[in-house]
């Protein structure tokens, strides 16, 4: 019997849609995360820049996208998060 183990084959039973905090960091660069991408197995956190960069890819597989990038304007003013 071939039993597969590890994160890829394990079940993830919880995902959250709670607000993102300063402790939530982008999985790509470590900056503050403003986007949570819920996948069939697990989730990814992205800063606004990397969320825009990877949106075409994760949009194909995401089960939910929790986007708080509108907070950038409220927290940091005009032009925040606009750089690519």
Protein backbone atom coordinates (compact mmCIF):
# COMPACT_ATOMS: atom_id res chain seq x y z
CA UNK A 1 0.00 0.00 0.00
CA UNK A 2 1.40 3.41 -1.02
CA UNK A 3 0.49 5.92 1.70
CA UNK A 4 1.30 9.53 0.89
CA UNK A 5 2.15 11.88 3.73
CA UNK A 6 3.19 15.48 4.17
CA UNK A 7 1.57 18.87 3.76
CA UNK A 8 0.58 18.26 0.14
CA UNK A 9 -1.58 15.26 0.98
CA UNK A 10 -2.69 16.24 4.48
CA UNK A 11 -6.07 17.78 5.10
CA UNK A 12 -6.38 21.39 6.10
CA UNK A 13 -9.51 21.85 8.13
CA UNK A 14 -9.42 25.53 9.01
CA UNK A 15 -9.19 28.74 7.05
CA UNK A 16 -9.96 32.16 8.37
CA UNK A 17 -11.48 35.33 7.01
CA UNK A 18 -10.61 37.38 10.10
CA UNK A 19 -9.04 40.79 9.41
CA UNK A 20 -5.35 40.74 8.59
CA UNK A 21 -3.04 42.33 11.15
CA UNK A 22 0.49 43.75 11.11
CA UNK A 23 1.67 40.31 12.23
CA UNK A 24 0.44 38.76 8.94
CA UNK A 25 3.32 38.83 6.47
CA UNK A 26 3.56 38.32 2.71
CA UNK A 27 4.66 34.78 1.87
CA UNK A 28 6.70 36.16 -1.02
CA UNK A 29 8.66 39.06 0.51
CA UNK A 30 7.76 39.39 4.20
CA UNK A 31 6.04 42.79 3.94
CA UNK A 32 2.71 43.34 5.69
CA UNK A 33 0.02 41.19 4.08
CA UNK A 34 -3.16 42.80 2.80
CA UNK A 35 -4.50 39.85 0.78
CA UNK A 36 -5.32 36.32 1.96
CA UNK A 37 -5.79 33.73 -0.79
CA UNK A 38 -7.64 30.65 0.39
CA UNK A 39 -6.77 27.56 -1.65
CA UNK A 40 -8.33 24.09 -1.63
CA UNK A 41 -5.46 23.14 0.68
CA UNK A 42 -4.23 25.98 2.89
CA UNK A 43 -3.80 29.67 2.23
CA UNK A 44 -1.28 32.24 1.04
CA UNK A 45 -0.74 35.79 2.26
CA UNK A 46 0.43 38.56 -0.05
CA UNK A 47 1.35 42.22 0.16
CA UNK A 48 -0.55 44.42 -2.33
CA UNK A 49 2.34 44.35 -4.82
CA UNK A 50 2.66 40.57 -4.93
CA UNK A 51 -1.12 40.07 -4.88
CA UNK A 52 -1.36 42.09 -8.10
CA UNK A 53 1.61 40.28 -9.61
CA UNK A 54 0.29 36.80 -8.88
CA UNK A 55 -3.47 37.43 -9.22
CA UNK A 56 -3.81 35.80 -12.65
CA UNK A 57 -2.29 32.60 -11.26
CA UNK A 58 -4.11 32.34 -7.94
CA UNK A 59 -7.46 33.43 -9.41
CA UNK A 60 -7.55 30.11 -11.27
CA UNK A 61 -7.30 27.99 -8.10
CA UNK A 62 -8.44 30.15 -5.16
CA UNK A 63 -11.62 29.25 -3.34
CA UNK A 64 -11.77 32.72 -1.72
CA UNK A 65 -9.75 35.94 -1.83
CA UNK A 66 -9.87 38.25 1.20
CA UNK A 67 -8.60 41.63 -0.06
CA UNK A 68 -7.86 44.48 2.37
CA UNK A 69 -5.73 46.60 0.03
CA UNK A 70 -8.20 49.47 0.45
CA UNK A 71 -6.68 49.89 3.94
CA UNK A 72 -3.45 51.09 2.32
CA UNK A 73 -5.04 54.40 1.32
CA UNK A 74 -6.58 54.88 4.77
CA UNK A 75 -3.36 53.96 6.58
CA UNK A 76 -0.68 55.40 4.33
CA UNK A 77 -2.30 57.97 2.04
CA UNK A 78 -2.52 58.40 -1.72
CA UNK A 79 -0.04 56.42 -3.76
CA UNK A 80 0.48 53.69 -1.15
CA UNK A 81 0.85 50.29 -2.73
CA UNK A 82 0.79 51.77 -6.20
CA UNK A 83 4.34 50.83 -7.17
CA UNK A 84 4.85 47.68 -9.20
